[in-house]
């Protein structure tokens, strides 16, 4: 399947979306190269690129090349980071979750595992007796 045969408007929108995602990544990377927002932006870009490959297979990189040409920015590695920075981010996210859970317990807002909540009506005995 050649891109020339595809809807030009669709390809144009994909290029615009890629430019936005790539610029967003570079903006976050400039602020904090190892930050959570940078990794989130990288993940969005990787997801966009993966979707392109699902839809356009071998021609997907033609769209990526158009994005690079128009934005004059580089595309980061597509792999999920696995180094010490990534592990530190995961550790920090886990700590934040623990703190949030402890604060909810102290505030009396934490639902215990044995209690159902309104968030899960299937398990909630108030809805189903």
N, C-alpha and C. Protein backbone atom coordinates (compact mmCIF):
# COMPACT_ATOMS: atom_id res chain seq x y z
N UNK A 1 0.85 -1.17 0.00
CA UNK A 1 0.00 0.00 0.00
C UNK A 1 0.90 1.23 0.00
N UNK A 2 0.74 2.10 -0.98
CA UNK A 2 1.51 3.32 -1.07
C UNK A 2 0.75 4.47 -0.47
N UNK A 3 1.49 5.38 0.14
CA UNK A 3 0.84 6.54 0.73
C UNK A 3 0.14 7.39 -0.30
N UNK A 4 0.61 7.37 -1.53
CA UNK A 4 -0.02 8.16 -2.60
C UNK A 4 -1.47 7.72 -2.82
N UNK A 5 -1.77 6.48 -2.49
CA UNK A 5 -3.12 5.96 -2.67
C UNK A 5 -4.02 6.28 -1.48
N UNK A 6 -3.44 6.75 -0.40
CA UNK A 6 -4.22 7.05 0.80
C UNK A 6 -4.84 8.43 0.69
N UNK A 7 -5.82 8.67 1.52
CA UNK A 7 -6.47 9.96 1.59
C UNK A 7 -5.45 11.01 2.05
N UNK A 8 -5.22 12.01 1.22
CA UNK A 8 -4.21 13.04 1.52
C UNK A 8 -4.54 13.78 2.82
N UNK A 9 -5.82 13.98 3.08
CA UNK A 9 -6.23 14.68 4.30
C UNK A 9 -5.88 13.84 5.53
N UNK A 10 -6.07 12.55 5.46
CA UNK A 10 -5.74 11.66 6.57
C UNK A 10 -4.24 11.67 6.84
N UNK A 11 -3.44 11.58 5.79
CA UNK A 11 -1.99 11.60 5.94
C UNK A 11 -1.55 12.93 6.53
N UNK A 12 -2.14 14.02 6.07
CA UNK A 12 -1.81 15.35 6.58
C UNK A 12 -2.11 15.44 8.07
N UNK A 13 -3.25 14.91 8.48
CA UNK A 13 -3.61 14.94 9.91
C UNK A 13 -2.66 14.09 10.74
N UNK A 14 -2.26 12.95 10.21
CA UNK A 14 -1.30 12.10 10.93
C UNK A 14 0.04 12.80 11.10
N UNK A 15 0.46 13.51 10.06
CA UNK A 15 1.72 14.26 10.14
C UNK A 15 1.59 15.38 11.18
N UNK A 16 0.47 16.10 11.17
CA UNK A 16 0.25 17.16 12.15
C UNK A 16 0.24 16.59 13.57
N UNK A 17 -0.42 15.46 13.74
CA UNK A 17 -0.47 14.84 15.06
C UNK A 17 0.94 14.42 15.50
N UNK A 18 1.69 13.85 14.59
CA UNK A 18 3.07 13.46 14.90
C UNK A 18 3.93 14.65 15.27
N UNK A 19 3.76 15.75 14.54
CA UNK A 19 4.51 16.98 14.87
C UNK A 19 4.17 17.45 16.27
N UNK A 20 2.90 17.47 16.59
CA UNK A 20 2.47 17.91 17.93
C UNK A 20 3.08 17.02 19.01
N UNK A 21 3.01 15.71 18.81
CA UNK A 21 3.55 14.77 19.80
C UNK A 21 5.07 14.90 19.92
N UNK A 22 5.75 15.07 18.79
CA UNK A 22 7.20 15.20 18.82
C UNK A 22 7.62 16.50 19.49
N UNK A 23 6.94 17.59 19.19
CA UNK A 23 7.25 18.87 19.84
C UNK A 23 6.95 18.80 21.34
N UNK A 24 5.87 18.16 21.70
CA UNK A 24 5.53 18.00 23.12
C UNK A 24 6.61 17.22 23.85
N UNK A 25 7.09 16.15 23.22
CA UNK A 25 8.16 15.37 23.83
C UNK A 25 9.40 16.24 24.04
N UNK A 26 9.81 16.97 23.00
CA UNK A 26 11.02 17.78 23.11
C UNK A 26 10.86 18.90 24.14
N UNK A 27 9.67 19.48 24.24
CA UNK A 27 9.42 20.50 25.26
C UNK A 27 9.60 19.92 26.66
N UNK A 28 9.01 18.74 26.89
CA UNK A 28 9.13 18.10 28.21
C UNK A 28 10.57 17.66 28.48
N UNK A 29 11.23 17.15 27.45
CA UNK A 29 12.61 16.69 27.60
C UNK A 29 13.53 17.85 27.96
N UNK A 30 13.26 19.02 27.40
CA UNK A 30 14.07 20.20 27.72
C UNK A 30 13.87 20.63 29.17
N UNK A 31 12.64 20.50 29.67
CA UNK A 31 12.35 20.87 31.06
C UNK A 31 12.99 19.91 32.04
N UNK A 32 12.83 18.60 31.78
CA UNK A 32 13.32 17.58 32.70
C UNK A 32 13.52 16.28 31.93
N UNK A 33 14.75 16.03 31.45
CA UNK A 33 15.01 14.85 30.62
C UNK A 33 14.63 13.52 31.26
N UNK A 34 14.68 13.45 32.59
CA UNK A 34 14.39 12.19 33.27
C UNK A 34 13.03 12.19 33.95
N UNK A 35 12.21 13.20 33.67
CA UNK A 35 10.95 13.35 34.37
C UNK A 35 9.84 12.44 33.88
N UNK A 36 8.83 12.33 34.71
CA UNK A 36 7.66 11.50 34.40
C UNK A 36 6.93 12.05 33.17
N UNK A 37 6.80 13.37 33.07
CA UNK A 37 6.10 13.97 31.93
C UNK A 37 6.84 13.70 30.62
N UNK A 38 8.17 13.67 30.68
CA UNK A 38 8.97 13.36 29.50
C UNK A 38 8.70 11.93 29.06
N UNK A 39 8.67 11.02 30.01
CA UNK A 39 8.41 9.61 29.67
C UNK A 39 6.98 9.42 29.17
N UNK A 40 6.05 10.17 29.74
CA UNK A 40 4.66 10.11 29.26
C UNK A 40 4.59 10.58 27.81
N UNK A 41 5.26 11.69 27.51
CA UNK A 41 5.27 12.22 26.14
C UNK A 41 5.95 11.24 25.19
N UNK A 42 7.02 10.59 25.66
CA UNK A 42 7.69 9.58 24.84
C UNK A 42 6.72 8.43 24.54
N UNK A 43 5.98 8.01 25.56
CA UNK A 43 5.03 6.92 25.38
C UNK A 43 3.93 7.26 24.38
N UNK A 44 3.45 8.50 24.42
CA UNK A 44 2.44 8.91 23.45
C UNK A 44 3.00 8.85 22.03
N UNK A 45 4.24 9.31 21.88
CA UNK A 45 4.88 9.30 20.57
C UNK A 45 5.12 7.87 20.09
N UNK A 46 5.56 7.01 20.98
CA UNK A 46 5.78 5.60 20.63
C UNK A 46 4.44 4.95 20.24
N UNK A 47 3.38 5.26 20.96
CA UNK A 47 2.06 4.72 20.63
C UNK A 47 1.58 5.18 19.26
N UNK A 48 1.80 6.45 18.94
CA UNK A 48 1.42 6.99 17.63
C UNK A 48 2.18 6.26 16.53
N UNK A 49 3.48 6.10 16.75
CA UNK A 49 4.31 5.45 15.73
C UNK A 49 3.93 3.98 15.57
N UNK A 50 3.62 3.32 16.66
CA UNK A 50 3.21 1.92 16.61
C UNK A 50 1.90 1.77 15.83
N UNK A 51 0.99 2.70 16.06
CA UNK A 51 -0.28 2.68 15.33
C UNK A 51 -0.05 2.88 13.83
N UNK A 52 0.87 3.79 13.50
CA UNK A 52 1.21 3.99 12.08
C UNK A 52 1.69 2.69 11.45
N UNK A 53 2.54 1.97 12.18
CA UNK A 53 3.07 0.71 11.65
C UNK A 53 1.99 -0.35 11.52
N UNK A 54 1.02 -0.32 12.40
CA UNK A 54 -0.09 -1.26 12.29
C UNK A 54 -0.92 -0.96 11.05
N UNK A 55 -1.16 0.30 10.81
CA UNK A 55 -2.01 0.70 9.68
C UNK A 55 -1.30 0.70 8.33
N UNK A 56 -0.07 1.20 8.32
CA UNK A 56 0.62 1.44 7.04
C UNK A 56 1.83 0.55 6.82
N UNK A 57 2.14 -0.29 7.78
CA UNK A 57 3.24 -1.25 7.69
C UNK A 57 4.54 -0.60 7.22
N UNK A 58 5.08 -1.03 6.09
CA UNK A 58 6.37 -0.55 5.61
C UNK A 58 6.38 0.93 5.25
N UNK A 59 5.22 1.49 4.98
CA UNK A 59 5.13 2.89 4.56
C UNK A 59 5.00 3.84 5.75
N UNK A 60 4.89 3.32 6.95
CA UNK A 60 4.72 4.16 8.15
C UNK A 60 5.89 5.12 8.33
N UNK A 61 7.08 4.66 8.04
CA UNK A 61 8.25 5.52 8.24
C UNK A 61 8.26 6.70 7.27
N UNK A 62 7.52 6.60 6.17
CA UNK A 62 7.38 7.76 5.28
C UNK A 62 6.68 8.90 6.01
N UNK A 63 5.68 8.57 6.82
CA UNK A 63 4.97 9.58 7.60
C UNK A 63 5.89 10.13 8.68
N UNK A 64 6.62 9.26 9.35
CA UNK A 64 7.56 9.70 10.38
C UNK A 64 8.61 10.62 9.77
N UNK A 65 9.10 10.29 8.59
CA UNK A 65 10.09 11.13 7.91
C UNK A 65 9.52 12.51 7.60
N UNK A 66 8.26 12.56 7.20
CA UNK A 66 7.62 13.86 6.96
C UNK A 66 7.56 14.69 8.23
N UNK A 67 7.26 14.03 9.35
CA UNK A 67 7.21 14.73 10.65
C UNK A 67 8.58 15.28 11.00
N UNK A 68 9.62 14.47 10.84
CA UNK A 68 10.98 14.90 11.15
C UNK A 68 11.38 16.08 10.26
N UNK A 69 11.07 15.98 8.98
CA UNK A 69 11.41 17.04 8.03
C UNK A 69 10.72 18.34 8.38
N UNK A 70 9.42 18.27 8.67
CA UNK A 70 8.67 19.49 8.98
C UNK A 70 9.05 20.09 10.32
N UNK A 71 9.27 19.26 11.33
CA UNK A 71 9.54 19.76 12.68
C UNK A 71 11.01 20.08 12.92
N UNK A 72 11.89 19.44 12.12
CA UNK A 72 13.33 19.57 12.30
C UNK A 72 13.78 19.10 13.69
N UNK A 73 13.08 18.10 14.19
CA UNK A 73 13.39 17.51 15.49
C UNK A 73 13.69 16.03 15.31
N UNK A 74 14.41 15.48 16.25
CA UNK A 74 14.72 14.05 16.19
C UNK A 74 13.66 13.25 16.95
N UNK A 75 13.47 12.04 16.53
CA UNK A 75 12.53 11.13 17.19
C UNK A 75 13.32 10.34 18.22
N UNK A 76 12.84 10.29 19.47
CA UNK A 76 13.57 9.53 20.49
C UNK A 76 13.49 8.03 20.22
N UNK A 77 14.35 7.30 20.89
CA UNK A 77 14.29 5.85 20.80
C UNK A 77 12.89 5.38 21.13
N UNK A 78 12.43 4.35 20.44
CA UNK A 78 11.08 3.86 20.63
C UNK A 78 10.91 2.90 21.77
N UNK A 79 12.00 2.47 22.37
CA UNK A 79 11.89 1.49 23.45
C UNK A 79 11.54 2.18 24.76
N UNK A 80 10.88 1.44 25.62
CA UNK A 80 10.61 1.93 26.96
C UNK A 80 11.93 1.96 27.71
N UNK A 81 12.24 3.06 28.38
CA UNK A 81 13.52 3.12 29.10
C UNK A 81 13.61 2.04 30.17
N UNK A 82 14.79 1.47 30.30
CA UNK A 82 14.95 0.38 31.26
C UNK A 82 16.06 0.63 32.26
N UNK A 83 16.73 1.76 32.17
CA UNK A 83 17.87 2.03 33.02
C UNK A 83 17.47 2.47 34.41
N UNK A 84 18.46 3.01 35.12
CA UNK A 84 18.25 3.45 36.49
C UNK A 84 17.20 4.56 36.56
N UNK A 85 17.15 5.44 35.57
CA UNK A 85 16.17 6.52 35.58
C UNK A 85 14.75 5.96 35.56
N UNK A 86 14.52 4.98 34.73
CA UNK A 86 13.19 4.38 34.63
C UNK A 86 12.81 3.71 35.95
N UNK A 87 13.76 2.99 36.54
CA UNK A 87 13.49 2.34 37.81
C UNK A 87 13.21 3.36 38.91
N UNK A 88 13.93 4.49 38.87
CA UNK A 88 13.70 5.54 39.85
C UNK A 88 12.30 6.14 39.68
N UNK A 89 11.87 6.30 38.45
CA UNK A 89 10.53 6.84 38.19
C UNK A 89 9.47 5.87 38.72
N UNK A 90 9.64 4.59 38.44
CA UNK A 90 8.68 3.59 38.93
C UNK A 90 8.65 3.56 40.46
N UNK A 91 9.80 3.68 41.08
CA UNK A 91 9.88 3.70 42.54
C UNK A 91 9.14 4.92 43.10
N UNK A 92 9.34 6.07 42.47
CA UNK A 92 8.68 7.29 42.92
C UNK A 92 7.17 7.20 42.75
N UNK A 93 6.72 6.64 41.65
CA UNK A 93 5.28 6.47 41.44
C UNK A 93 4.71 5.55 42.51
N UNK A 94 5.42 4.49 42.84
CA UNK A 94 4.98 3.59 43.91
C UNK A 94 4.90 4.28 45.25
N UNK A 95 5.87 5.13 45.54
CA UNK A 95 5.86 5.88 46.80
C UNK A 95 4.68 6.84 46.85
N UNK A 96 4.44 7.53 45.75
CA UNK A 96 3.31 8.47 45.70
C UNK A 96 1.99 7.74 45.91
N UNK A 97 1.86 6.55 45.32
CA UNK A 97 0.65 5.76 45.51
C UNK A 97 0.49 5.38 46.98
N UNK A 98 1.59 4.94 47.60
CA UNK A 98 1.54 4.57 49.02
C UNK A 98 1.14 5.75 49.90
N UNK A 99 1.71 6.91 49.62
CA UNK A 99 1.38 8.11 50.41
C UNK A 99 -0.09 8.46 50.23
N UNK A 100 -0.58 8.43 48.98
CA UNK A 100 -1.99 8.74 48.73
C UNK A 100 -2.91 7.77 49.46
N UNK A 101 -2.55 6.50 49.46
CA UNK A 101 -3.35 5.49 50.14
C UNK A 101 -3.35 5.72 51.65
N UNK A 102 -2.20 6.04 52.21
CA UNK A 102 -2.13 6.30 53.66
C UNK A 102 -2.94 7.53 54.05
N UNK A 103 -2.86 8.58 53.23
CA UNK A 103 -3.64 9.79 53.51
C UNK A 103 -5.14 9.49 53.45
N UNK A 104 -5.55 8.66 52.50
CA UNK A 104 -6.96 8.30 52.38
C UNK A 104 -7.41 7.51 53.61
N UNK A 105 -6.56 6.63 54.11
CA UNK A 105 -6.89 5.85 55.32
C UNK A 105 -7.06 6.80 56.50
N UNK A 106 -6.12 7.74 56.65
CA UNK A 106 -6.19 8.69 57.75
C UNK A 106 -7.43 9.57 57.66
N UNK A 107 -7.84 9.88 56.44
CA UNK A 107 -9.02 10.73 56.24
C UNK A 107 -10.31 9.92 56.30
N UNK A 108 -10.20 8.60 56.45
CA UNK A 108 -11.38 7.75 56.52
C UNK A 108 -12.04 7.52 55.18
N UNK A 109 -11.30 7.74 54.11
CA UNK A 109 -11.87 7.60 52.77
C UNK A 109 -11.40 6.35 52.06
N UNK A 110 -10.62 5.55 52.70
CA UNK A 110 -10.08 4.35 52.06
C UNK A 110 -11.07 3.20 52.20
N UNK A 111 -11.39 2.56 51.10
CA UNK A 111 -12.26 1.39 51.18
C UNK A 111 -11.39 0.15 51.36
N UNK A 112 -11.74 -0.63 52.32
CA UNK A 112 -10.98 -1.85 52.59
C UNK A 112 -11.34 -2.91 51.57
N UNK A 113 -10.46 -3.85 51.38
CA UNK A 113 -10.65 -4.88 50.36
C UNK A 113 -11.95 -5.65 50.55
N UNK A 114 -12.40 -5.80 51.80
CA UNK A 114 -13.61 -6.58 52.04
C UNK A 114 -14.88 -5.77 51.78
N UNK A 115 -14.73 -4.45 51.62
CA UNK A 115 -15.89 -3.61 51.38
C UNK A 115 -16.01 -3.27 49.91
N UNK A 116 -17.21 -3.26 49.39
CA UNK A 116 -17.44 -2.86 48.01
C UNK A 116 -17.60 -1.35 47.96
N UNK A 117 -17.43 -0.80 46.80
CA UNK A 117 -17.56 0.65 46.63
C UNK A 117 -18.55 0.94 45.52
N UNK A 118 -19.02 2.19 45.49
CA UNK A 118 -19.92 2.59 44.42
C UNK A 118 -19.22 2.61 43.07
N UNK A 119 -17.89 2.55 43.07
CA UNK A 119 -17.14 2.53 41.82
C UNK A 119 -17.26 1.19 41.11
N UNK A 120 -17.64 0.16 41.84
CA UNK A 120 -17.78 -1.16 41.26
C UNK A 120 -19.17 -1.69 41.57
N UNK A 121 -20.18 -1.28 40.78
CA UNK A 121 -21.56 -1.67 41.09
C UNK A 121 -21.79 -3.17 41.03
N UNK A 122 -20.97 -3.91 40.28
CA UNK A 122 -21.15 -5.35 40.21
C UNK A 122 -20.86 -5.99 41.56
N UNK A 123 -19.84 -5.47 42.23
CA UNK A 123 -19.46 -6.05 43.52
C UNK A 123 -20.18 -5.37 44.69
N UNK A 124 -20.84 -4.30 44.42
CA UNK A 124 -21.46 -3.51 45.48
C UNK A 124 -22.79 -4.12 45.93
N UNK A 125 -22.84 -4.54 47.19
CA UNK A 125 -24.06 -5.17 47.70
C UNK A 125 -25.21 -4.18 47.79
N UNK A 126 -24.93 -2.89 47.77
CA UNK A 126 -26.01 -1.89 47.79
C UNK A 126 -26.82 -1.94 46.50
N UNK A 127 -26.18 -2.30 45.41
CA UNK A 127 -26.87 -2.39 44.13
C UNK A 127 -27.51 -3.76 43.90
N UNK A 128 -26.83 -4.80 44.42
CA UNK A 128 -27.27 -6.15 44.11
C UNK A 128 -27.58 -6.98 45.35
N UNK A 129 -27.91 -6.33 46.44
CA UNK A 129 -28.33 -7.04 47.63
C UNK A 129 -27.25 -7.78 48.25
